[in-house]
N, C-alpha and C. Protein backbone atom coordinates (compact mmCIF):
# COMPACT_ATOMS: atom_id res chain seq x y z
N MET A 1 -54.36 49.21 10.40
CA MET A 1 -54.55 47.80 10.70
C MET A 1 -54.25 47.58 12.18
N ALA A 2 -55.18 47.00 12.87
CA ALA A 2 -55.03 46.77 14.30
C ALA A 2 -54.10 45.60 14.57
N GLU A 3 -53.42 45.66 15.70
CA GLU A 3 -52.52 44.58 16.07
C GLU A 3 -53.31 43.27 16.16
N GLY A 4 -52.76 42.23 15.59
CA GLY A 4 -53.42 40.93 15.60
C GLY A 4 -54.25 40.66 14.36
N ASP A 5 -54.55 41.70 13.56
CA ASP A 5 -55.30 41.49 12.32
C ASP A 5 -54.39 40.83 11.30
N ALA A 6 -54.87 39.77 10.69
CA ALA A 6 -54.11 39.11 9.63
C ALA A 6 -54.28 39.87 8.32
N LEU A 7 -53.26 39.82 7.50
CA LEU A 7 -53.34 40.45 6.19
C LEU A 7 -54.27 39.64 5.29
N SER A 8 -54.90 40.31 4.37
CA SER A 8 -55.78 39.64 3.42
C SER A 8 -54.93 39.13 2.25
N THR A 9 -55.37 38.06 1.62
CA THR A 9 -54.59 37.48 0.53
C THR A 9 -54.90 38.11 -0.82
N HIS A 10 -55.85 39.03 -0.89
CA HIS A 10 -56.22 39.57 -2.20
C HIS A 10 -55.58 40.92 -2.52
N VAL A 11 -54.73 41.44 -1.64
CA VAL A 11 -54.07 42.71 -1.90
C VAL A 11 -52.56 42.45 -1.99
N PHE A 12 -52.05 42.35 -3.22
CA PHE A 12 -50.64 42.02 -3.41
C PHE A 12 -50.17 42.56 -4.76
N GLY A 13 -48.89 42.56 -4.95
CA GLY A 13 -48.30 42.98 -6.21
C GLY A 13 -47.01 42.22 -6.46
N VAL A 14 -46.57 42.22 -7.71
CA VAL A 14 -45.34 41.53 -8.08
C VAL A 14 -44.49 42.46 -8.94
N GLN A 15 -43.21 42.52 -8.60
CA GLN A 15 -42.25 43.25 -9.42
C GLN A 15 -41.25 42.26 -9.98
N LEU A 16 -40.95 42.41 -11.25
CA LEU A 16 -39.95 41.58 -11.91
C LEU A 16 -38.88 42.53 -12.40
N GLY A 17 -37.68 42.42 -11.83
CA GLY A 17 -36.65 43.39 -12.18
C GLY A 17 -37.14 44.77 -11.79
N GLY A 18 -37.30 45.67 -12.74
CA GLY A 18 -37.71 47.03 -12.44
C GLY A 18 -39.15 47.37 -12.80
N TYR A 19 -39.96 46.40 -13.19
CA TYR A 19 -41.33 46.75 -13.57
C TYR A 19 -42.35 45.87 -12.86
N ARG A 20 -43.58 46.39 -12.76
CA ARG A 20 -44.68 45.67 -12.12
C ARG A 20 -45.33 44.73 -13.13
N VAL A 21 -45.67 43.55 -12.67
CA VAL A 21 -46.36 42.57 -13.50
C VAL A 21 -47.86 42.79 -13.34
N GLU A 22 -48.58 42.89 -14.45
CA GLU A 22 -50.01 43.17 -14.42
C GLU A 22 -50.84 41.90 -14.45
N SER A 23 -52.12 42.07 -14.18
CA SER A 23 -53.17 41.06 -14.38
C SER A 23 -52.96 39.77 -13.59
N ILE A 24 -52.36 39.85 -12.42
CA ILE A 24 -52.10 38.63 -11.64
C ILE A 24 -53.36 38.18 -10.94
N GLN A 25 -53.66 36.90 -11.07
CA GLN A 25 -54.82 36.33 -10.39
C GLN A 25 -54.42 35.55 -9.15
N GLU A 26 -53.27 34.86 -9.22
CA GLU A 26 -52.91 33.99 -8.11
C GLU A 26 -51.40 33.77 -8.07
N ILE A 27 -50.89 33.68 -6.86
CA ILE A 27 -49.51 33.25 -6.62
C ILE A 27 -49.61 32.02 -5.73
N SER A 28 -49.06 30.91 -6.18
CA SER A 28 -49.20 29.68 -5.40
C SER A 28 -47.90 28.88 -5.39
N GLY A 29 -47.85 27.96 -4.45
CA GLY A 29 -46.73 27.02 -4.39
C GLY A 29 -45.41 27.62 -3.95
N LEU A 30 -45.44 28.76 -3.29
CA LEU A 30 -44.20 29.39 -2.84
C LEU A 30 -43.58 28.51 -1.77
N THR A 31 -42.56 27.77 -2.16
CA THR A 31 -41.95 26.82 -1.23
C THR A 31 -40.43 26.91 -1.29
N VAL A 32 -39.85 26.72 -0.14
CA VAL A 32 -38.40 26.56 -0.01
C VAL A 32 -38.20 25.47 1.03
N GLU A 33 -37.34 24.54 0.74
CA GLU A 33 -37.11 23.44 1.67
C GLU A 33 -35.64 23.37 2.05
N GLU A 34 -35.42 22.83 3.22
CA GLU A 34 -34.07 22.61 3.72
C GLU A 34 -33.98 21.16 4.14
N ASP A 35 -32.92 20.50 3.72
CA ASP A 35 -32.72 19.11 4.14
C ASP A 35 -32.55 19.05 5.65
N VAL A 36 -32.94 17.92 6.22
CA VAL A 36 -32.75 17.69 7.64
C VAL A 36 -31.71 16.58 7.79
N VAL A 37 -30.66 16.87 8.54
CA VAL A 37 -29.60 15.90 8.78
C VAL A 37 -29.86 15.28 10.15
N GLU A 38 -30.06 13.98 10.16
CA GLU A 38 -30.28 13.29 11.43
C GLU A 38 -28.99 12.57 11.82
N ILE A 39 -28.55 12.84 13.02
CA ILE A 39 -27.31 12.24 13.51
C ILE A 39 -27.65 11.34 14.69
N LYS A 40 -27.31 10.07 14.57
CA LYS A 40 -27.54 9.11 15.66
C LYS A 40 -26.19 8.72 16.22
N GLN A 41 -26.09 8.85 17.53
CA GLN A 41 -24.84 8.52 18.22
C GLN A 41 -25.17 7.75 19.49
N VAL A 42 -24.15 7.22 20.07
CA VAL A 42 -24.29 6.54 21.36
C VAL A 42 -23.36 7.23 22.35
N SER A 43 -23.91 7.54 23.54
CA SER A 43 -23.09 8.19 24.57
C SER A 43 -22.12 7.17 25.18
N ASP A 44 -21.26 7.63 26.08
CA ASP A 44 -20.29 6.74 26.72
C ASP A 44 -20.96 5.70 27.62
N THR A 45 -22.24 5.94 27.97
CA THR A 45 -22.97 4.96 28.79
C THR A 45 -23.85 4.05 27.93
N GLY A 46 -23.79 4.22 26.62
CA GLY A 46 -24.56 3.36 25.72
C GLY A 46 -25.94 3.90 25.36
N LYS A 47 -26.30 5.07 25.87
CA LYS A 47 -27.60 5.66 25.57
C LYS A 47 -27.58 6.27 24.16
N GLN A 48 -28.64 5.97 23.40
CA GLN A 48 -28.72 6.52 22.05
C GLN A 48 -29.08 8.00 22.10
N ILE A 49 -28.39 8.78 21.29
CA ILE A 49 -28.64 10.21 21.18
C ILE A 49 -29.00 10.50 19.72
N ILE A 50 -30.14 11.15 19.52
CA ILE A 50 -30.55 11.52 18.17
C ILE A 50 -30.64 13.04 18.11
N ARG A 51 -29.92 13.62 17.16
CA ARG A 51 -29.93 15.06 16.96
C ARG A 51 -30.32 15.34 15.51
N LYS A 52 -31.05 16.42 15.33
CA LYS A 52 -31.39 16.87 13.98
C LYS A 52 -30.86 18.28 13.81
N GLN A 53 -30.32 18.52 12.62
CA GLN A 53 -29.80 19.85 12.32
C GLN A 53 -30.07 20.18 10.86
N PRO A 54 -30.07 21.47 10.54
CA PRO A 54 -30.35 21.85 9.15
C PRO A 54 -29.24 21.40 8.22
N GLY A 55 -29.66 20.98 7.04
CA GLY A 55 -28.72 20.59 6.01
C GLY A 55 -28.73 21.62 4.88
N ALA A 56 -28.52 21.15 3.68
CA ALA A 56 -28.47 22.05 2.52
C ALA A 56 -29.86 22.57 2.18
N ARG A 57 -29.92 23.82 1.80
CA ARG A 57 -31.18 24.41 1.36
C ARG A 57 -31.41 24.05 -0.11
N GLN A 58 -32.64 23.74 -0.43
CA GLN A 58 -33.02 23.43 -1.80
C GLN A 58 -33.49 24.71 -2.48
N ALA A 59 -33.34 24.78 -3.77
CA ALA A 59 -33.88 25.92 -4.51
C ALA A 59 -35.40 25.86 -4.45
N GLY A 60 -36.05 26.99 -4.59
CA GLY A 60 -37.51 27.04 -4.48
C GLY A 60 -38.18 27.29 -5.81
N GLU A 61 -39.52 27.31 -5.76
CA GLU A 61 -40.29 27.65 -6.95
C GLU A 61 -41.61 28.27 -6.54
N VAL A 62 -42.21 28.98 -7.47
CA VAL A 62 -43.50 29.64 -7.27
C VAL A 62 -44.23 29.64 -8.61
N THR A 63 -45.55 29.57 -8.57
CA THR A 63 -46.35 29.62 -9.78
C THR A 63 -47.21 30.87 -9.76
N ILE A 64 -47.15 31.63 -10.84
CA ILE A 64 -47.97 32.83 -10.99
C ILE A 64 -48.99 32.58 -12.08
N THR A 65 -50.26 32.78 -11.75
CA THR A 65 -51.33 32.68 -12.73
C THR A 65 -51.81 34.10 -13.00
N ARG A 66 -51.88 34.44 -14.27
CA ARG A 66 -52.26 35.82 -14.63
C ARG A 66 -53.12 35.82 -15.88
N GLY A 67 -53.87 36.90 -16.03
CA GLY A 67 -54.68 37.06 -17.23
C GLY A 67 -53.78 37.22 -18.44
N LEU A 68 -54.13 36.53 -19.50
CA LEU A 68 -53.36 36.63 -20.73
C LEU A 68 -53.63 38.01 -21.33
N ASP A 69 -52.60 38.85 -21.38
CA ASP A 69 -52.79 40.21 -21.88
C ASP A 69 -51.64 40.56 -22.81
N GLN A 70 -51.47 41.83 -23.07
CA GLN A 70 -50.45 42.27 -24.01
C GLN A 70 -49.19 42.77 -23.32
N SER A 71 -48.91 42.29 -22.13
CA SER A 71 -47.72 42.70 -21.40
C SER A 71 -46.47 42.20 -22.12
N SER A 72 -45.85 43.08 -22.88
CA SER A 72 -44.70 42.66 -23.69
C SER A 72 -43.48 42.36 -22.84
N GLU A 73 -43.29 43.06 -21.72
CA GLU A 73 -42.11 42.84 -20.88
C GLU A 73 -42.12 41.44 -20.26
N PHE A 74 -43.25 41.05 -19.69
CA PHE A 74 -43.35 39.74 -19.05
C PHE A 74 -43.22 38.62 -20.09
N THR A 75 -43.88 38.80 -21.23
CA THR A 75 -43.81 37.80 -22.31
C THR A 75 -42.39 37.67 -22.83
N SER A 76 -41.69 38.78 -22.98
CA SER A 76 -40.29 38.73 -23.44
C SER A 76 -39.42 37.97 -22.45
N TRP A 77 -39.68 38.17 -21.16
CA TRP A 77 -38.90 37.47 -20.14
C TRP A 77 -39.15 35.97 -20.21
N ILE A 78 -40.40 35.57 -20.42
CA ILE A 78 -40.72 34.15 -20.57
C ILE A 78 -39.98 33.56 -21.76
N LYS A 79 -39.96 34.29 -22.87
CA LYS A 79 -39.31 33.81 -24.09
C LYS A 79 -37.80 33.64 -23.92
N GLU A 80 -37.18 34.45 -23.05
CA GLU A 80 -35.73 34.36 -22.83
C GLU A 80 -35.31 32.93 -22.52
N THR A 81 -36.06 32.25 -21.65
CA THR A 81 -35.67 30.89 -21.29
C THR A 81 -36.36 29.84 -22.13
N LEU A 82 -37.66 30.00 -22.34
CA LEU A 82 -38.39 28.93 -23.01
C LEU A 82 -38.08 28.84 -24.50
N ASN A 83 -37.89 29.96 -25.17
CA ASN A 83 -37.61 29.93 -26.61
C ASN A 83 -36.12 29.98 -26.92
N LYS A 84 -35.40 30.80 -26.18
CA LYS A 84 -33.97 30.99 -26.47
C LYS A 84 -33.05 30.12 -25.63
N GLY A 85 -33.54 29.62 -24.50
CA GLY A 85 -32.69 28.85 -23.60
C GLY A 85 -31.63 29.70 -22.92
N ALA A 86 -31.85 31.01 -22.87
CA ALA A 86 -30.86 31.94 -22.33
C ALA A 86 -31.09 32.16 -20.84
N VAL A 87 -30.82 31.13 -20.04
CA VAL A 87 -31.09 31.20 -18.61
C VAL A 87 -30.25 32.29 -17.94
N SER A 88 -28.99 32.42 -18.32
CA SER A 88 -28.13 33.40 -17.64
C SER A 88 -28.64 34.83 -17.83
N SER A 89 -29.12 35.18 -19.00
CA SER A 89 -29.64 36.53 -19.20
C SER A 89 -31.07 36.67 -18.69
N ALA A 90 -31.78 35.57 -18.53
CA ALA A 90 -33.17 35.62 -18.06
C ALA A 90 -33.28 35.72 -16.54
N ARG A 91 -32.22 35.37 -15.83
CA ARG A 91 -32.29 35.41 -14.36
C ARG A 91 -32.66 36.81 -13.88
N GLN A 92 -33.74 36.88 -13.12
CA GLN A 92 -34.22 38.15 -12.58
C GLN A 92 -34.60 37.98 -11.12
N ASN A 93 -34.55 39.07 -10.38
CA ASN A 93 -35.07 39.06 -9.02
C ASN A 93 -36.55 39.40 -9.08
N LEU A 94 -37.33 38.70 -8.30
CA LEU A 94 -38.78 38.86 -8.27
C LEU A 94 -39.17 39.27 -6.86
N THR A 95 -40.03 40.26 -6.74
CA THR A 95 -40.49 40.72 -5.43
C THR A 95 -41.99 40.57 -5.34
N ILE A 96 -42.44 39.85 -4.32
CA ILE A 96 -43.88 39.74 -4.04
C ILE A 96 -44.16 40.66 -2.86
N GLU A 97 -45.09 41.58 -3.04
CA GLU A 97 -45.44 42.52 -1.99
C GLU A 97 -46.84 42.22 -1.48
N ILE A 98 -46.96 42.02 -0.19
CA ILE A 98 -48.27 41.81 0.44
C ILE A 98 -48.63 43.12 1.11
N MET A 99 -49.83 43.63 0.81
CA MET A 99 -50.22 44.96 1.26
C MET A 99 -51.41 44.92 2.21
N ASP A 100 -51.53 46.00 2.99
CA ASP A 100 -52.70 46.12 3.86
C ASP A 100 -53.85 46.74 3.06
N SER A 101 -54.97 46.98 3.72
CA SER A 101 -56.15 47.50 3.03
C SER A 101 -55.97 48.92 2.50
N GLU A 102 -54.93 49.62 2.96
CA GLU A 102 -54.64 50.97 2.48
C GLU A 102 -53.54 50.98 1.43
N MET A 103 -53.22 49.79 0.90
CA MET A 103 -52.23 49.60 -0.16
C MET A 103 -50.79 49.93 0.27
N ASN A 104 -50.51 49.83 1.56
CA ASN A 104 -49.15 49.98 2.07
C ASN A 104 -48.50 48.61 2.10
N THR A 105 -47.28 48.51 1.59
CA THR A 105 -46.58 47.23 1.61
C THR A 105 -46.21 46.89 3.05
N VAL A 106 -46.65 45.72 3.50
CA VAL A 106 -46.40 45.27 4.86
C VAL A 106 -45.34 44.18 4.89
N ARG A 107 -45.28 43.38 3.85
CA ARG A 107 -44.32 42.29 3.79
C ARG A 107 -43.80 42.18 2.36
N ARG A 108 -42.49 42.00 2.24
CA ARG A 108 -41.86 41.77 0.94
C ARG A 108 -41.19 40.41 0.95
N ILE A 109 -41.40 39.68 -0.11
CA ILE A 109 -40.73 38.40 -0.29
C ILE A 109 -39.87 38.54 -1.54
N GLN A 110 -38.56 38.48 -1.36
CA GLN A 110 -37.62 38.63 -2.47
C GLN A 110 -37.18 37.24 -2.93
N LEU A 111 -37.35 36.98 -4.21
CA LEU A 111 -36.91 35.73 -4.81
C LEU A 111 -35.77 36.08 -5.76
N MET A 112 -34.58 35.57 -5.48
CA MET A 112 -33.41 35.96 -6.25
C MET A 112 -33.05 34.93 -7.32
N GLN A 113 -32.57 35.47 -8.44
CA GLN A 113 -32.07 34.67 -9.56
C GLN A 113 -33.15 33.74 -10.12
N GLY A 114 -34.35 34.28 -10.33
CA GLY A 114 -35.45 33.47 -10.84
C GLY A 114 -35.49 33.41 -12.36
N TRP A 115 -35.98 32.31 -12.87
CA TRP A 115 -36.20 32.15 -14.31
C TRP A 115 -37.36 31.18 -14.52
N VAL A 116 -37.97 31.25 -15.69
CA VAL A 116 -39.16 30.46 -16.00
C VAL A 116 -38.77 29.03 -16.35
N SER A 117 -39.35 28.07 -15.62
CA SER A 117 -39.09 26.66 -15.93
C SER A 117 -40.29 26.00 -16.60
N LYS A 118 -41.46 26.64 -16.53
CA LYS A 118 -42.66 26.04 -17.13
C LYS A 118 -43.66 27.13 -17.46
N TRP A 119 -44.30 27.01 -18.61
CA TRP A 119 -45.38 27.91 -19.01
C TRP A 119 -46.57 27.06 -19.41
N GLU A 120 -47.73 27.43 -18.92
CA GLU A 120 -48.96 26.72 -19.28
C GLU A 120 -49.94 27.74 -19.83
N GLY A 121 -50.37 27.52 -21.06
CA GLY A 121 -51.26 28.45 -21.73
C GLY A 121 -52.71 28.26 -21.32
N PRO A 122 -53.59 29.08 -21.90
CA PRO A 122 -55.00 29.05 -21.52
C PRO A 122 -55.71 27.81 -22.07
N SER A 123 -56.75 27.39 -21.35
CA SER A 123 -57.65 26.36 -21.86
C SER A 123 -58.70 27.08 -22.69
N LEU A 124 -58.84 26.69 -23.93
CA LEU A 124 -59.78 27.35 -24.83
C LEU A 124 -60.92 26.39 -25.14
N LYS A 125 -62.15 26.90 -25.06
CA LYS A 125 -63.30 26.05 -25.28
C LYS A 125 -64.42 26.86 -25.92
N ALA A 126 -64.91 26.39 -27.06
CA ALA A 126 -66.01 27.07 -27.75
C ALA A 126 -67.24 27.10 -26.85
N GLY A 127 -67.91 28.23 -26.83
CA GLY A 127 -69.14 28.35 -26.04
C GLY A 127 -68.92 28.67 -24.58
N GLU A 128 -67.68 28.85 -24.17
CA GLU A 128 -67.40 29.17 -22.77
C GLU A 128 -66.89 30.60 -22.66
N SER A 129 -67.33 31.30 -21.66
CA SER A 129 -66.95 32.71 -21.48
C SER A 129 -66.11 32.90 -20.22
N SER A 130 -64.95 32.29 -20.18
CA SER A 130 -64.07 32.47 -19.02
C SER A 130 -62.81 33.20 -19.48
N PRO A 131 -62.12 33.83 -18.55
CA PRO A 131 -60.92 34.59 -18.94
C PRO A 131 -59.78 33.66 -19.36
N ALA A 132 -59.01 34.12 -20.33
CA ALA A 132 -57.82 33.38 -20.76
C ALA A 132 -56.69 33.70 -19.78
N THR A 133 -56.08 32.66 -19.23
CA THR A 133 -54.99 32.84 -18.27
C THR A 133 -53.77 32.05 -18.70
N GLU A 134 -52.64 32.44 -18.16
CA GLU A 134 -51.42 31.67 -18.32
C GLU A 134 -50.84 31.42 -16.94
N SER A 135 -50.21 30.27 -16.77
CA SER A 135 -49.54 29.94 -15.51
C SER A 135 -48.06 29.81 -15.80
N VAL A 136 -47.26 30.46 -14.98
CA VAL A 136 -45.82 30.47 -15.17
C VAL A 136 -45.16 29.98 -13.89
N THR A 137 -44.38 28.91 -14.00
CA THR A 137 -43.63 28.41 -12.85
C THR A 137 -42.23 29.01 -12.92
N ILE A 138 -41.85 29.63 -11.82
CA ILE A 138 -40.55 30.30 -11.73
C ILE A 138 -39.72 29.62 -10.66
N VAL A 139 -38.53 29.19 -11.02
CA VAL A 139 -37.61 28.62 -10.03
C VAL A 139 -36.67 29.74 -9.59
N PHE A 140 -36.25 29.68 -8.34
CA PHE A 140 -35.35 30.70 -7.82
C PHE A 140 -34.32 30.06 -6.91
N GLU A 141 -33.22 30.77 -6.67
CA GLU A 141 -32.10 30.21 -5.92
C GLU A 141 -32.05 30.64 -4.47
N GLU A 142 -32.55 31.83 -4.16
CA GLU A 142 -32.53 32.33 -2.78
C GLU A 142 -33.83 33.05 -2.48
N ILE A 143 -34.18 33.11 -1.19
CA ILE A 143 -35.38 33.82 -0.76
C ILE A 143 -35.03 34.68 0.45
N SER A 144 -35.66 35.84 0.50
CA SER A 144 -35.51 36.74 1.64
C SER A 144 -36.88 37.29 1.98
N VAL A 145 -37.29 37.18 3.24
CA VAL A 145 -38.58 37.70 3.68
C VAL A 145 -38.31 38.92 4.55
N GLU A 146 -38.88 40.04 4.16
CA GLU A 146 -38.68 41.31 4.90
C GLU A 146 -39.95 41.69 5.61
């Protein structure tokens, strides 16, 4: 990859704990926000001074859309929180790997202490031939970009 070439968005992978997640179609909504603290003061000469500084970081979330398949590990992880309510045992670290055209990992995004907060099943329609997908929203507490 030549210097200045941007990575393509179609070569990526996801690891959940110790295994790779299959059949991923899209990763979207990867967001982390930090509050902004605005401080307004007046100097000794009466001039207004406005400063902004970082405040508390908010937890983030990401949505993974994938083909509905027989991946028992991923499905079991979803069930940990949605069916059992076992958030403490369901917390997993998630790694998103962005790769170059030769399948070398160029960037890793680590999402720590993630668990499923929402699952959306496939839209089913008679007479339509589209793939069955599921969308899973994962909330996480920390992010690290390598």
